[in-house]
Amino acid sequence: MALSYSAWGAAERAFWQPAEIEPRVAFWKSHLAGYQRIWNSLEGADTASGAHQRMVSHFPAELANAAREIARRSGATLFSTLLAGFQIAMSRWTGAEDILVGTPVANRTMQSVKETMGSFAGIVPLRGRVDSGRSFPASVRAVHQASLDCFANAMPFAELARALGDAAVPGHNPIFEVRFALQNHPIPDIALPGLSAKLRMISTGTARFHLACEITEDGGQLEVVWLFRPKLFAQAEVEELGRIFQSVLTGAGRTPEVRLAALTH
């Protein structure tokens, strides 16, 4: 029998005891040690008010298929391949080599919760260091392994922020400022007598992060939704980031063993 939402909450609280949390906190303190926010200079800036601006682009099926092939050859996932490309693009766009994003994950740690309807998403920080001398497939494999380690140590985000001493302040998210997500679960169409409808993922526009890249598999192609704070970034700047991201994936698909330095110059 599936748990009710309130029963799930009680069971989840019971699961996250100190013996379960402490080794995960130790992992995160080590994994995130020394990280410097990309936009530290924005601390104290008035970024809290207003909604995100939303921009949509599409990566063609040919590019999406090339990314899937790189993932297959690298023994990784499409998510890891796209994240590797995004980290490289972010590095070129910002000049930073240490890129940290947050990604949503299903928060269903117990078998009974897997049978419960409703959203149980959590957020996991993923950190990547861009090494220009590394090949793209090697970067994909590194991202894939790091992601597996981070997912294995996932814990309630509020507990993680508290353990790291990183409290939320107006206009700034704890720990990370960039969200990256891949939605690749089929979203069914709805057919009722005299009515048909299509379900689609769409952002509320709430400005929780400085920047977000949310990708959805849409048939053969990839729909890329960019959400950003217009007080921080002009649309032309985010369009340039999107072009860099697409260029990185195009170059990697054309020459799989290419070094990152050749993808970012």
C-alpha atoms as a PDB file:
ATOM      1  CA  MET A   1       0.000   0.000   0.000  1.00  0.00           C
ATOM      2  CA  ALA A   2       1.283   3.446  -0.869  1.00  0.00           C
ATOM      3  CA  LEU A   3       2.082   5.906   1.883  1.00  0.00           C
ATOM      4  CA  SER A   4       0.079   9.073   2.319  1.00  0.00           C
ATOM      5  CA  TYR A   5       2.064  12.265   1.866  1.00  0.00           C
ATOM      6  CA  SER A   6       2.067  12.965   5.629  1.00  0.00           C
ATOM      7  CA  ALA A   7       3.116   9.386   6.400  1.00  0.00           C
ATOM      8  CA  TRP A   8       5.905   9.718   3.842  1.00  0.00           C
ATOM      9  CA  GLY A   9       7.118  12.857   5.599  1.00  0.00           C
ATOM     10  CA  ALA A  10       7.263  11.077   8.949  1.00  0.00           C
ATOM     11  CA  ALA A  11       9.053   8.076   7.446  1.00  0.00           C
ATOM     12  CA  GLU A  12      11.530  10.333   5.650  1.00  0.00           C
ATOM     13  CA  ARG A  13      12.330  12.223   8.860  1.00  0.00           C
ATOM     14  CA  ALA A  14      12.844   8.913  10.631  1.00  0.00           C
ATOM     15  CA  PHE A  15      15.233   7.762   7.906  1.00  0.00           C
ATOM     16  CA  TRP A  16      17.490  10.824   8.109  1.00  0.00           C
ATOM     17  CA  GLN A  17      19.078  10.154  11.473  1.00  0.00           C
ATOM     18  CA  PRO A  18      22.640  11.294  12.385  1.00  0.00           C
ATOM     19  CA  ALA A  19      24.107   7.904  11.444  1.00  0.00           C
ATOM     20  CA  GLU A  20      22.745   8.381   7.913  1.00  0.00           C
ATOM     21  CA  ILE A  21      23.549  12.081   7.584  1.00  0.00           C
ATOM     22  CA  GLU A  22      27.046  12.370   9.092  1.00  0.00           C
ATOM     23  CA  PRO A  23      28.993  10.338   6.463  1.00  0.00           C
ATOM     24  CA  ARG A  24      27.192  12.249   3.705  1.00  0.00           C
ATOM     25  CA  VAL A  25      28.058  15.577   5.280  1.00  0.00           C
ATOM     26  CA  ALA A  26      31.709  14.462   5.434  1.00  0.00           C
ATOM     27  CA  PHE A  27      31.572  13.656   1.710  1.00  0.00           C
ATOM     28  CA  TRP A  28      30.118  17.048   0.828  1.00  0.00           C
ATOM     29  CA  LYS A  29      32.572  19.004   2.964  1.00  0.00           C
ATOM     30  CA  SER A  30      35.407  17.287   1.133  1.00  0.00           C
ATOM     31  CA  HIS A  31      33.793  17.480  -2.311  1.00  0.00           C
ATOM     32  CA  LEU A  32      32.941  21.191  -2.076  1.00  0.00           C
ATOM     33  CA  ALA A  33      36.067  22.311  -0.208  1.00  0.00           C
ATOM     34  CA  GLY A  34      37.667  25.392  -1.716  1.00  0.00           C
ATOM     35  CA  TYR A  35      34.861  26.173  -4.138  1.00  0.00           C
ATOM     36  CA  GLN A  36      34.498  29.878  -4.918  1.00  0.00           C
ATOM     37  CA  ARG A  37      31.236  31.172  -6.310  1.00  0.00           C
ATOM     38  CA  ILE A  38      31.553  32.408  -9.882  1.00  0.00           C
ATOM     39  CA  TRP A  39      29.636  35.596  -9.141  1.00  0.00           C
ATOM     40  CA  ASN A  40      30.962  36.536  -5.719  1.00  0.00           C
ATOM     41  CA  SER A  41      31.107  40.149  -6.882  1.00  0.00           C
ATOM     42  CA  LEU A  42      27.312  40.151  -7.004  1.00  0.00           C
ATOM     43  CA  GLU A  43      26.933  39.658  -3.254  1.00  0.00           C
ATOM     44  CA  GLY A  44      24.805  42.456  -1.896  1.00  0.00           C
ATOM     45  CA  ALA A  45      23.447  43.377  -5.319  1.00  0.00           C
ATOM     46  CA  ASP A  46      19.697  43.878  -5.687  1.00  0.00           C
ATOM     47  CA  THR A  47      18.874  40.621  -7.463  1.00  0.00           C
ATOM     48  CA  ALA A  48      16.035  39.312  -5.322  1.00  0.00           C
ATOM     49  CA  SER A  49      13.122  41.137  -6.935  1.00  0.00           C
ATOM     50  CA  GLY A  50      11.465  40.211 -10.198  1.00  0.00           C
ATOM     51  CA  ALA A  51      10.939  36.974 -12.083  1.00  0.00           C
ATOM     52  CA  HIS A  52      13.270  35.064 -14.333  1.00  0.00           C
ATOM     53  CA  GLN A  53      13.313  35.876 -18.002  1.00  0.00           C
ATOM     54  CA  ARG A  54      12.662  32.766 -20.096  1.00  0.00           C
ATOM     55  CA  MET A  55      14.285  31.945 -23.424  1.00  0.00           C
ATOM     56  CA  VAL A  56      13.793  28.774 -25.477  1.00  0.00           C
ATOM     57  CA  SER A  57      16.057  27.252 -28.107  1.00  0.00           C
ATOM     58  CA  HIS A  58      16.363  23.838 -29.748  1.00  0.00           C
ATOM     59  CA  PHE A  59      19.267  21.544 -30.509  1.00  0.00           C
ATOM     60  CA  PRO A  60      18.511  19.581 -33.695  1.00  0.00           C
ATOM     61  CA  ALA A  61      18.066  15.818 -33.766  1.00  0.00           C
ATOM     62  CA  GLU A  62      21.452  15.350 -35.442  1.00  0.00           C
ATOM     63  CA  LEU A  63      23.187  17.039 -32.516  1.00  0.00           C
ATOM     64  CA  ALA A  64      21.101  15.163 -29.951  1.00  0.00           C
ATOM     65  CA  ASN A  65      21.945  11.840 -31.604  1.00  0.00           C
ATOM     66  CA  ALA A  66      25.659  12.703 -31.635  1.00  0.00           C
ATOM     67  CA  ALA A  67      25.479  13.418 -27.892  1.00  0.00           C
ATOM     68  CA  ARG A  68      23.749  10.094 -27.290  1.00  0.00           C
ATOM     69  CA  GLU A  69      26.462   8.306 -29.288  1.00  0.00           C
ATOM     70  CA  ILE A  70      29.217   9.985 -27.249  1.00  0.00           C
ATOM     71  CA  ALA A  71      27.412   8.872 -24.096  1.00  0.00           C
ATOM     72  CA  ARG A  72      27.192   5.291 -25.371  1.00  0.00           C
ATOM     73  CA  ARG A  73      30.871   5.139 -26.334  1.00  0.00           C
ATOM     74  CA  SER A  74      31.923   6.701 -23.039  1.00  0.00           C
ATOM     75  CA  GLY A  75      29.866   4.307 -20.941  1.00  0.00           C
ATOM     76  CA  ALA A  76      27.963   7.288 -19.558  1.00  0.00           C
ATOM     77  CA  THR A  77      24.496   8.808 -19.734  1.00  0.00           C
ATOM     78  CA  LEU A  78      23.066  11.528 -21.929  1.00  0.00           C
ATOM     79  CA  PHE A  79      22.767  13.641 -18.773  1.00  0.00           C
ATOM     80  CA  SER A  80      26.501  13.354 -18.055  1.00  0.00           C
ATOM     81  CA  THR A  81      27.354  14.145 -21.678  1.00  0.00           C
ATOM     82  CA  LEU A  82      25.192  17.262 -21.744  1.00  0.00           C
ATOM     83  CA  LEU A  83      26.450  18.361 -18.321  1.00  0.00           C
ATOM     84  CA  ALA A  84      30.060  17.993 -19.475  1.00  0.00           C
ATOM     85  CA  GLY A  85      29.278  20.180 -22.484  1.00  0.00           C
ATOM     86  CA  PHE A  86      27.478  22.700 -20.299  1.00  0.00           C
ATOM     87  CA  GLN A  87      30.400  22.924 -17.858  1.00  0.00           C
ATOM     88  CA  ILE A  88      32.793  23.590 -20.742  1.00  0.00           C
ATOM     89  CA  ALA A  89      30.469  26.247 -22.155  1.00  0.00           C
ATOM     90  CA  MET A  90      30.105  27.869 -18.720  1.00  0.00           C
ATOM     91  CA  SER A  91      33.880  27.879 -18.328  1.00  0.00           C
ATOM     92  CA  ARG A  92      34.372  29.724 -21.600  1.00  0.00           C
ATOM     93  CA  TRP A  93      31.478  32.105 -20.889  1.00  0.00           C
ATOM     94  CA  THR A  94      32.602  33.048 -17.367  1.00  0.00           C
ATOM     95  CA  GLY A  95      36.351  32.389 -17.426  1.00  0.00           C
ATOM     96  CA  ALA A  96      36.005  30.060 -14.419  1.00  0.00           C
ATOM     97  CA  GLU A  97      37.377  26.512 -14.469  1.00  0.00           C
ATOM     98  CA  ASP A  98      35.487  25.296 -11.383  1.00  0.00           C
ATOM     99  CA  ILE A  99      31.787  24.946 -12.205  1.00  0.00           C
ATOM    100  CA  LEU A 100      29.098  24.010  -9.670  1.00  0.00           C
ATOM    101  CA  VAL A 101      25.462  23.391 -10.578  1.00  0.00           C
ATOM    102  CA  GLY A 102      22.465  22.003  -8.766  1.00  0.00           C
ATOM    103  CA  THR A 103      20.341  19.332 -10.393  1.00  0.00           C
ATOM    104  CA  PRO A 104      16.966  17.889  -9.325  1.00  0.00           C
ATOM    105  CA  VAL A 105      16.803  14.196  -8.468  1.00  0.00           C
ATOM    106  CA  ALA A 106      13.979  11.889  -7.441  1.00  0.00           C
ATOM    107  CA  ASN A 107      13.956  11.768  -3.651  1.00  0.00           C
ATOM    108  CA  ARG A 108      12.539   8.270  -3.178  1.00  0.00           C
ATOM    109  CA  THR A 109      14.889   6.481  -0.853  1.00  0.00           C
ATOM    110  CA  MET A 110      12.373   3.915   0.431  1.00  0.00           C
ATOM    111  CA  GLN A 111      10.462   1.250  -1.502  1.00  0.00           C
ATOM    112  CA  SER A 112       7.146   2.439  -0.042  1.00  0.00           C
ATOM    113  CA  VAL A 113       7.783   5.973  -1.293  1.00  0.00           C
ATOM    114  CA  LYS A 114       8.346   4.675  -4.823  1.00  0.00           C
ATOM    115  CA  GLU A 115       4.670   3.700  -4.832  1.00  0.00           C
ATOM    116  CA  THR A 116       3.433   7.071  -3.599  1.00  0.00           C
ATOM    117  CA  MET A 117       2.005   9.678  -5.941  1.00  0.00           C
ATOM    118  CA  GLY A 118       3.397  13.183  -5.764  1.00  0.00           C
ATOM    119  CA  SER A 119       6.632  15.080  -6.160  1.00  0.00           C
ATOM    120  CA  PHE A 120       9.585  14.088  -3.965  1.00  0.00           C
ATOM    121  CA  ALA A 121      12.343  15.906  -5.828  1.00  0.00           C
ATOM    122  CA  GLY A 122      15.551  16.888  -4.098  1.00  0.00           C
ATOM    123  CA  ILE A 123      18.527  18.938  -5.256  1.00  0.00           C
ATOM    124  CA  VAL A 124      22.093  17.622  -5.565  1.00  0.00           C
ATOM    125  CA  PRO A 125      25.117  19.896  -6.187  1.00  0.00           C
ATOM    126  CA  LEU A 126      27.429  18.684  -8.972  1.00  0.00           C
ATOM    127  CA  ARG A 127      30.938  20.128  -9.219  1.00  0.00           C
ATOM    128  CA  GLY A 128      33.205  19.876 -12.234  1.00  0.00           C
ATOM    129  CA  ARG A 129      36.677  21.208 -12.995  1.00  0.00           C
ATOM    130  CA  VAL A 130      37.266  21.938 -16.655  1.00  0.00           C
ATOM    131  CA  ASP A 131      40.703  20.717 -17.804  1.00  0.00           C
ATOM    132  CA  SER A 132      41.508  22.078 -21.271  1.00  0.00           C
ATOM    133  CA  GLY A 133      44.060  19.304 -21.874  1.00  0.00           C
ATOM    134  CA  ARG A 134      41.505  16.534 -21.402  1.00  0.00           C
ATOM    135  CA  SER A 135      39.537  14.958 -24.247  1.00  0.00           C
ATOM    136  CA  PHE A 136      35.785  15.383 -24.353  1.00  0.00           C
ATOM    137  CA  PRO A 137      35.025  11.670 -23.743  1.00  0.00           C
ATOM    138  CA  ALA A 138      37.405  11.708 -20.757  1.00  0.00           C
ATOM    139  CA  SER A 139      35.512  14.720 -19.429  1.00  0.00           C
ATOM    140  CA  VAL A 140      32.217  12.907 -19.895  1.00  0.00           C
ATOM    141  CA  ARG A 141      33.529   9.906 -17.949  1.00  0.00           C
ATOM    142  CA  ALA A 142      34.819  12.168 -15.162  1.00  0.00           C
ATOM    143  CA  VAL A 143      31.482  13.980 -14.954  1.00  0.00           C
ATOM    144  CA  HIS A 144      29.631  10.666 -14.959  1.00  0.00           C
ATOM    145  CA  GLN A 145      31.678   9.226 -12.077  1.00  0.00           C
ATOM    146  CA  ALA A 146      31.471  12.434 -10.053  1.00  0.00           C
ATOM    147  CA  SER A 147      27.700  12.532 -10.587  1.00  0.00           C
ATOM    148  CA  LEU A 148      27.314   8.942  -9.403  1.00  0.00           C
ATOM    149  CA  ASP A 149      29.292   9.764  -6.250  1.00  0.00           C
ATOM    150  CA  CYS A 150      27.180  12.863  -5.600  1.00  0.00           C
ATOM    151  CA  PHE A 151      23.879  11.080  -6.200  1.00  0.00           C
ATOM    152  CA  ALA A 152      24.967   8.271  -3.859  1.00  0.00           C
ATOM    153  CA  ASN A 153      25.508  10.873  -1.131  1.00  0.00           C
ATOM    154  CA  ALA A 154      22.338  12.856  -1.754  1.00  0.00           C
ATOM    155  CA  MET A 155      20.672  14.228   1.379  1.00  0.00           C
ATOM    156  CA  PRO A 156      18.000  16.809   2.184  1.00  0.00           C
ATOM    157  CA  PHE A 157      19.241  20.092   0.767  1.00  0.00           C
ATOM    158  CA  ALA A 158      18.235  22.134   3.808  1.00  0.00           C
ATOM    159  CA  GLU A 159      20.285  19.800   6.017  1.00  0.00           C
ATOM    160  CA  LEU A 160      23.240  20.081   3.647  1.00  0.00           C
ATOM    161  CA  ALA A 161      23.137  23.886   3.570  1.00  0.00           C
ATOM    162  CA  ARG A 162      22.909  23.960   7.363  1.00  0.00           C
ATOM    163  CA  ALA A 163      25.850  21.562   7.747  1.00  0.00           C
ATOM    164  CA  LEU A 164      27.966  23.667   5.391  1.00  0.00           C
ATOM    165  CA  GLY A 165      26.970  26.882   7.144  1.00  0.00           C
ATOM    166  CA  ASP A 166      25.648  28.344   3.904  1.00  0.00           C
ATOM    167  CA  ALA A 167      22.387  30.099   4.696  1.00  0.00           C
ATOM    168  CA  ALA A 168      20.120  31.621   2.084  1.00  0.00           C
ATOM    169  CA  VAL A 169      20.208  35.392   1.691  1.00  0.00           C
ATOM    170  CA  PRO A 170      17.830  37.471  -0.434  1.00  0.00           C
ATOM    171  CA  GLY A 171      18.641  36.983  -4.104  1.00  0.00           C
ATOM    172  CA  HIS A 172      21.156  34.177  -3.577  1.00  0.00           C
ATOM    173  CA  ASN A 173      20.610  30.426  -3.358  1.00  0.00           C
ATOM    174  CA  PRO A 174      22.650  28.431  -0.815  1.00  0.00           C
ATOM    175  CA  ILE A 175      25.677  26.544  -2.226  1.00  0.00           C
ATOM    176  CA  PHE A 176      25.053  27.029  -5.964  1.00  0.00           C
ATOM    177  CA  GLU A 177      23.648  29.698  -8.293  1.00  0.00           C
ATOM    178  CA  VAL A 178      23.200  27.666 -11.498  1.00  0.00           C
ATOM    179  CA  ARG A 179      20.605  24.965 -12.085  1.00  0.00           C
ATOM    180  CA  PHE A 180      21.035  22.285 -14.752  1.00  0.00           C
ATOM    181  CA  ALA A 181      18.367  19.694 -15.482  1.00  0.00           C
ATOM    182  CA  LEU A 182      17.493  17.072 -18.076  1.00  0.00           C
ATOM    183  CA  GLN A 183      13.886  15.936 -18.364  1.00  0.00           C
ATOM    184  CA  ASN A 184      13.957  12.688 -20.321  1.00  0.00           C
ATOM    185  CA  HIS A 185      10.953  10.836 -18.966  1.00  0.00           C
ATOM    186  CA  PRO A 186       8.118  10.580 -21.494  1.00  0.00           C
ATOM    187  CA  ILE A 187       5.286  13.037 -20.834  1.00  0.00           C
ATOM    188  CA  PRO A 188       2.078  11.413 -22.061  1.00  0.00           C
ATOM    189  CA  ASP A 189      -0.552  13.135 -24.148  1.00  0.00           C
ATOM    190  CA  ILE A 190      -4.066  13.170 -22.723  1.00  0.00           C
ATOM    191  CA  ALA A 191      -7.085  12.091 -24.751  1.00  0.00           C
ATOM    192  CA  LEU A 192     -10.643  12.439 -23.396  1.00  0.00           C
ATOM    193  CA  PRO A 193     -13.940  12.341 -25.272  1.00  0.00           C
ATOM    194  CA  GLY A 194     -14.087  15.564 -27.234  1.00  0.00           C
ATOM    195  CA  LEU A 195     -10.824  16.828 -25.762  1.00  0.00           C
ATOM    196  CA  SER A 196      -7.135  16.315 -26.373  1.00  0.00           C
ATOM    197  CA  ALA A 197      -4.234  17.904 -24.539  1.00  0.00           C
ATOM    198  CA  LYS A 198      -0.462  17.788 -24.334  1.00  0.00           C
ATOM    199  CA  LEU A 199       1.394  17.987 -21.025  1.00  0.00           C
ATOM    200  CA  ARG A 200       4.546  20.068 -21.081  1.00  0.00           C
ATOM    201  CA  MET A 201       7.150  21.022 -18.491  1.00  0.00           C
ATOM    202  CA  ILE A 202       7.191  24.776 -17.911  1.00  0.00           C
ATOM    203  CA  SER A 203       8.880  26.983 -15.365  1.00  0.00           C
ATOM    204  CA  THR A 204       6.901  29.119 -12.922  1.00  0.00           C
ATOM    205  CA  GLY A 205       9.386  31.936 -13.580  1.00  0.00           C
ATOM    206  CA  THR A 206      10.241  32.230  -9.894  1.00  0.00           C
ATOM    207  CA  ALA A 207      13.764  33.643  -9.621  1.00  0.00           C
ATOM    208  CA  ARG A 208      15.540  31.278  -7.227  1.00  0.00           C
ATOM    209  CA  PHE A 209      18.825  30.964  -9.130  1.00  0.00           C
ATOM    210  CA  HIS A 210      20.900  33.364 -11.167  1.00  0.00           C
ATOM    211  CA  LEU A 211      20.775  31.059 -14.187  1.00  0.00           C
ATOM    212  CA  ALA A 212      19.122  27.788 -15.170  1.00  0.00           C
ATOM    213  CA  CYS A 213      19.432  25.479 -18.168  1.00  0.00           C
ATOM    214  CA  GLU A 214      16.582  22.975 -18.404  1.00  0.00           C
ATOM    215  CA  ILE A 215      16.686  20.472 -21.255  1.00  0.00           C
ATOM    216  CA  THR A 216      13.822  18.265 -22.409  1.00  0.00           C
ATOM    217  CA  GLU A 217      13.978  15.461 -24.951  1.00  0.00           C
ATOM    218  CA  ASP A 218      11.346  16.529 -27.460  1.00  0.00           C
ATOM    219  CA  GLY A 219      11.034  13.806 -30.084  1.00  0.00           C
ATOM    220  CA  GLY A 220      14.497  13.489 -31.594  1.00  0.00           C
ATOM    221  CA  GLN A 221      15.647  16.988 -30.727  1.00  0.00           C
ATOM    222  CA  LEU A 222      16.422  18.710 -27.445  1.00  0.00           C
ATOM    223  CA  GLU A 223      14.438  21.673 -26.200  1.00  0.00           C
ATOM    224  CA  VAL A 224      16.674  23.973 -24.149  1.00  0.00           C
ATOM    225  CA  VAL A 225      14.972  26.430 -21.802  1.00  0.00           C
ATOM    226  CA  TRP A 226      17.109  29.183 -20.297  1.00  0.00           C
ATOM    227  CA  LEU A 227      15.956  31.008 -17.180  1.00  0.00           C
ATOM    228  CA  PHE A 228      17.965  33.973 -15.965  1.00  0.00           C
ATOM    229  CA  ARG A 229      17.796  37.078 -13.831  1.00  0.00           C
ATOM    230  CA  PRO A 230      17.493  40.017 -16.249  1.00  0.00           C
ATOM    231  CA  LYS A 231      19.069  42.292 -13.619  1.00  0.00           C
ATOM    232  CA  LEU A 232      22.264  40.255 -13.970  1.00  0.00           C
ATOM    233  CA  PHE A 233      22.395  39.082 -17.576  1.00  0.00           C
ATOM    234  CA  ALA A 234      21.244  40.599 -20.850  1.00  0.00           C
ATOM    235  CA  GLN A 235      19.400  38.224 -23.163  1.00  0.00           C
ATOM    236  CA  ALA A 236      22.208  38.598 -25.712  1.00  0.00           C
ATOM    237  CA  GLU A 237      24.684  37.248 -23.133  1.00  0.00           C
ATOM    238  CA  VAL A 238      22.574  34.167 -22.459  1.00  0.00           C
ATOM    239  CA  GLU A 239      22.087  33.662 -26.196  1.00  0.00           C
ATOM    240  CA  GLU A 240      25.882  33.644 -26.507  1.00  0.00           C
ATOM    241  CA  LEU A 241      26.118  30.992 -23.767  1.00  0.00           C
ATOM    242  CA  GLY A 242      23.586  28.911 -25.705  1.00  0.00           C
ATOM    243  CA  ARG A 243      25.651  29.248 -28.885  1.00  0.00           C
ATOM    244  CA  ILE A 244      28.810  28.193 -27.049  1.00  0.00           C
ATOM    245  CA  PHE A 245      27.005  25.185 -25.550  1.00  0.00           C
ATOM    246  CA  GLN A 246      25.741  24.079 -28.957  1.00  0.00           C
ATOM    247  CA  SER A 247      29.155  24.676 -30.530  1.00  0.00           C
ATOM    248  CA  VAL A 248      30.863  22.524 -27.881  1.00  0.00           C
ATOM    249  CA  LEU A 249      28.491  19.623 -28.501  1.00  0.00           C
ATOM    250  CA  THR A 250      28.757  20.029 -32.275  1.00  0.00           C
ATOM    251  CA  GLY A 251      32.560  19.972 -32.167  1.00  0.00           C
ATOM    252  CA  ALA A 252      32.598  16.962 -29.823  1.00  0.00           C
ATOM    253  CA  GLY A 253      30.222  15.084 -32.099  1.00  0.00           C
ATOM    254  CA  ARG A 254      32.286  15.883 -35.183  1.00  0.00           C
ATOM    255  CA  THR A 255      35.647  14.972 -33.610  1.00  0.00           C
ATOM    256  CA  PRO A 256      34.962  12.775 -30.561  1.00  0.00           C
ATOM    257  CA  GLU A 257      38.512  12.714 -29.164  1.00  0.00           C
ATOM    258  CA  VAL A 258      39.001  16.461 -29.487  1.00  0.00           C
ATOM    259  CA  ARG A 259      40.726  18.238 -26.577  1.00  0.00           C
ATOM    260  CA  LEU A 260      38.646  20.740 -24.648  1.00  0.00           C
ATOM    261  CA  ALA A 261      41.010  23.549 -25.603  1.00  0.00           C
ATOM    262  CA  ALA A 262      39.924  23.090 -29.236  1.00  0.00           C
ATOM    263  CA  LEU A 263      36.255  23.228 -28.251  1.00  0.00           C
ATOM    264  CA  THR A 264      36.498  26.493 -26.369  1.00  0.00           C
ATOM    265  CA  HIS A 265      38.592  28.634 -28.716  1.00  0.00           C
END
